[in-house]
C-alpha atoms as a PDB file:
ATOM      1  CA  MET A   1      26.949 -15.710   8.251  1.00  0.00           C
ATOM      2  CA  VAL A   2      23.474 -15.870   6.928  1.00  0.00           C
ATOM      3  CA  ASP A   3      23.153 -15.647   3.292  1.00  0.00           C
ATOM      4  CA  MET A   4      21.144 -12.660   2.303  1.00  0.00           C
ATOM      5  CA  SER A   5      21.284 -12.833  -1.429  1.00  0.00           C
ATOM      6  CA  LEU A   6      17.831 -12.265  -3.600  1.00  0.00           C
ATOM      7  CA  ALA A   7      17.543 -13.588  -6.854  1.00  0.00           C
ATOM      8  CA  VAL A   8      15.363 -12.179  -9.322  1.00  0.00           C
ATOM      9  CA  GLU A   9      14.443 -14.498 -12.395  1.00  0.00           C
ATOM     10  CA  PRO A  10      14.788 -12.859 -15.795  1.00  0.00           C
ATOM     11  CA  ALA A  11      11.777 -15.255 -17.014  1.00  0.00           C
ATOM     12  CA  GLU A  12       9.541 -13.920 -14.280  1.00  0.00           C
ATOM     13  CA  MET A  13      11.006  -9.949 -15.240  1.00  0.00           C
ATOM     14  CA  LYS A  14       9.936 -10.711 -18.739  1.00  0.00           C
ATOM     15  CA  PHE A  15       6.689 -12.194 -18.125  1.00  0.00           C
ATOM     16  CA  LEU A  16       5.784  -8.782 -15.541  1.00  0.00           C
ATOM     17  CA  VAL A  17       6.968  -6.465 -18.154  1.00  0.00           C
ATOM     18  CA  GLU A  18       5.149  -8.082 -21.097  1.00  0.00           C
ATOM     19  CA  THR A  19       2.024  -8.804 -18.909  1.00  0.00           C
ATOM     20  CA  LEU A  20       1.909  -5.361 -17.735  1.00  0.00           C
ATOM     21  CA  GLY A  21       2.823  -3.859 -21.157  1.00  0.00           C
ATOM     22  CA  ALA A  22      -0.157  -5.532 -22.711  1.00  0.00           C
ATOM     23  CA  ILE A  23      -2.629  -3.447 -20.915  1.00  0.00           C
ATOM     24  CA  GLY A  24      -3.313  -0.454 -22.933  1.00  0.00           C
ATOM     25  CA  GLU A  25      -1.484  -1.555 -25.729  1.00  0.00           C
ATOM     26  CA  GLN A  26      -2.373   0.503 -28.911  1.00  0.00           C
ATOM     27  CA  PRO A  27      -2.437  -1.525 -32.397  1.00  0.00           C
ATOM     28  CA  GLY A  28       0.149   0.912 -34.220  1.00  0.00           C
ATOM     29  CA  GLY A  29       2.236   0.506 -31.252  1.00  0.00           C
ATOM     30  CA  GLY A  30       2.693   2.294 -27.833  1.00  0.00           C
ATOM     31  CA  ILE A  31       0.642   1.761 -24.806  1.00  0.00           C
ATOM     32  CA  ILE A  32      -1.954   4.226 -23.472  1.00  0.00           C
ATOM     33  CA  ARG A  33      -2.861   4.064 -19.912  1.00  0.00           C
ATOM     34  CA  HIS A  34      -4.056   7.050 -18.295  1.00  0.00           C
ATOM     35  CA  VAL A  35      -5.020   7.548 -14.756  1.00  0.00           C
ATOM     36  CA  TYR A  36      -8.503   6.003 -14.514  1.00  0.00           C
ATOM     37  CA  ASP A  37      -9.225   5.067 -17.646  1.00  0.00           C
ATOM     38  CA  GLN A  38     -10.101   1.328 -18.262  1.00  0.00           C
ATOM     39  CA  ALA A  39      -6.422   0.319 -19.054  1.00  0.00           C
ATOM     40  CA  TRP A  40      -5.309   1.779 -16.078  1.00  0.00           C
ATOM     41  CA  ILE A  41      -7.778  -0.224 -14.114  1.00  0.00           C
ATOM     42  CA  ALA A  42      -6.882  -3.419 -15.613  1.00  0.00           C
ATOM     43  CA  ALA A  43      -3.478  -2.812 -15.040  1.00  0.00           C
ATOM     44  CA  ARG A  44      -3.914  -1.788 -11.033  1.00  0.00           C
ATOM     45  CA  ARG A  45      -6.291  -5.091 -10.823  1.00  0.00           C
ATOM     46  CA  GLN A  46      -3.456  -7.211 -12.437  1.00  0.00           C
ATOM     47  CA  VAL A  47      -0.841  -5.407 -10.201  1.00  0.00           C
ATOM     48  CA  ALA A  48      -3.227  -6.262  -7.187  1.00  0.00           C
ATOM     49  CA  ASP A  49      -3.322  -9.893  -7.890  1.00  0.00           C
ATOM     50  CA  TRP A  50       0.412 -10.443  -8.558  1.00  0.00           C
ATOM     51  CA  LEU A  51       0.954  -8.752  -4.905  1.00  0.00           C
ATOM     52  CA  ARG A  52      -1.695 -11.155  -3.277  1.00  0.00           C
ATOM     53  CA  ASP A  53       0.146 -13.938  -4.894  1.00  0.00           C
ATOM     54  CA  ALA A  54       3.437 -13.234  -3.685  1.00  0.00           C
ATOM     55  CA  GLY A  55       1.478 -13.042  -0.184  1.00  0.00           C
ATOM     56  CA  LEU A  56       1.048  -9.365   0.812  1.00  0.00           C
ATOM     57  CA  GLN A  57      -2.078  -7.700   2.109  1.00  0.00           C
ATOM     58  CA  VAL A  58      -3.385  -5.323  -0.618  1.00  0.00           C
ATOM     59  CA  ARG A  59      -4.853  -1.933   0.122  1.00  0.00           C
ATOM     60  CA  GLU A  60      -5.756   1.159  -2.103  1.00  0.00           C
ATOM     61  CA  ASP A  61      -6.188   4.474  -0.677  1.00  0.00           C
ATOM     62  CA  ALA A  62      -8.759   7.144  -1.837  1.00  0.00           C
ATOM     63  CA  VAL A  63      -7.136   8.096  -5.049  1.00  0.00           C
ATOM     64  CA  GLY A  64      -6.073   4.771  -6.352  1.00  0.00           C
ATOM     65  CA  ASN A  65      -2.943   4.091  -5.141  1.00  0.00           C
ATOM     66  CA  LEU A  66      -1.945   0.326  -4.231  1.00  0.00           C
ATOM     67  CA  PHE A  67      -0.123  -0.857  -1.165  1.00  0.00           C
ATOM     68  CA  GLY A  68       1.143  -4.310  -0.649  1.00  0.00           C
ATOM     69  CA  ARG A  69       1.956  -5.265   2.951  1.00  0.00           C
ATOM     70  CA  LEU A  70       3.642  -8.041   4.258  1.00  0.00           C
ATOM     71  CA  GLU A  71       3.875  -8.382   8.084  1.00  0.00           C
ATOM     72  CA  GLY A  72       7.054  -9.206   9.791  1.00  0.00           C
ATOM     73  CA  GLU A  73       8.638  -9.728  13.042  1.00  0.00           C
ATOM     74  CA  ARG A  74      10.149  -6.006  13.244  1.00  0.00           C
ATOM     75  CA  ARG A  75       8.313  -2.796  13.244  1.00  0.00           C
ATOM     76  CA  ARG A  76      10.535  -1.775  10.252  1.00  0.00           C
ATOM     77  CA  THR A  77       9.263  -1.384   6.869  1.00  0.00           C
ATOM     78  CA  ILE A  78      10.458  -1.543   3.485  1.00  0.00           C
ATOM     79  CA  LEU A  79       8.475   0.354   0.629  1.00  0.00           C
ATOM     80  CA  THR A  80       9.013   0.276  -3.199  1.00  0.00           C
ATOM     81  CA  GLY A  81       6.509   1.229  -5.836  1.00  0.00           C
ATOM     82  CA  SER A  82       5.973   2.868  -9.103  1.00  0.00           C
ATOM     83  CA  HIS A  83       3.451   4.343 -11.438  1.00  0.00           C
ATOM     84  CA  ILE A  84       1.538   1.982 -13.813  1.00  0.00           C
ATOM     85  CA  ASP A  85      -0.209   4.988 -15.828  1.00  0.00           C
ATOM     86  CA  THR A  86       1.604   5.808 -19.186  1.00  0.00           C
ATOM     87  CA  VAL A  87       2.489   8.657 -20.919  1.00  0.00           C
ATOM     88  CA  ARG A  88       0.705   8.943 -24.523  1.00  0.00           C
ATOM     89  CA  LEU A  89       1.802   5.828 -26.759  1.00  0.00           C
ATOM     90  CA  GLY A  90       4.903   5.097 -24.274  1.00  0.00           C
ATOM     91  CA  GLY A  91       6.952   2.045 -24.784  1.00  0.00           C
ATOM     92  CA  ARG A  92       6.564  -1.508 -23.096  1.00  0.00           C
ATOM     93  CA  TYR A  93      10.323  -0.847 -21.630  1.00  0.00           C
ATOM     94  CA  GLU A  94       9.402   2.538 -20.104  1.00  0.00           C
ATOM     95  CA  LYS A  95      11.155   3.314 -16.930  1.00  0.00           C
ATOM     96  CA  ARG A  96       7.857   3.351 -15.136  1.00  0.00           C
ATOM     97  CA  ARG A  97       6.767   0.121 -16.640  1.00  0.00           C
ATOM     98  CA  THR A  98      10.231  -2.010 -15.607  1.00  0.00           C
ATOM     99  CA  ALA A  99       9.905  -0.173 -12.133  1.00  0.00           C
ATOM    100  CA  ALA A 100       6.819  -1.478 -11.198  1.00  0.00           C
ATOM    101  CA  SER A 101       7.792  -5.291 -12.693  1.00  0.00           C
ATOM    102  CA  THR A 102      10.845  -4.901 -10.624  1.00  0.00           C
ATOM    103  CA  ALA A 103       9.207  -4.137  -7.314  1.00  0.00           C
ATOM    104  CA  ILE A 104       7.090  -6.943  -7.584  1.00  0.00           C
ATOM    105  CA  SER A 105       9.410  -9.356  -8.641  1.00  0.00           C
ATOM    106  CA  GLY A 106      11.556  -8.479  -5.781  1.00  0.00           C
ATOM    107  CA  VAL A 107       8.724  -8.974  -3.366  1.00  0.00           C
ATOM    108  CA  HIS A 108       8.542 -12.476  -4.999  1.00  0.00           C
ATOM    109  CA  GLY A 109      11.908 -13.180  -4.500  1.00  0.00           C
ATOM    110  CA  ALA A 110      12.209 -11.801  -0.953  1.00  0.00           C
ATOM    111  CA  CYS A 111       8.979 -13.969   0.004  1.00  0.00           C
ATOM    112  CA  SER A 112      10.342 -17.384  -1.307  1.00  0.00           C
ATOM    113  CA  ALA A 113      13.908 -16.469  -0.114  1.00  0.00           C
END
């Protein structure tokens, strides 16, 4: 039987959430990162770097969605992702923040397995 377990390291998750959460963070608390603003562009750049670091080919579409692709031996595709924009003064642990970080951490785990 082949071991198909996937380990996601808590320290990596914390790093991803904290790093992404710092982009657009406001002095009084909360995060503002609206689509196409400077914070959103910086967050996309950070996510693209993480995807490349995980060994994926990164591309973007006409409206700014990022795609990370890892070629495999089969024609099947696994796709995961999330928003990186925020609601006004959204929190660091808002569902969208942790979903993007979870996807990236899962890719790191899968690529290193």
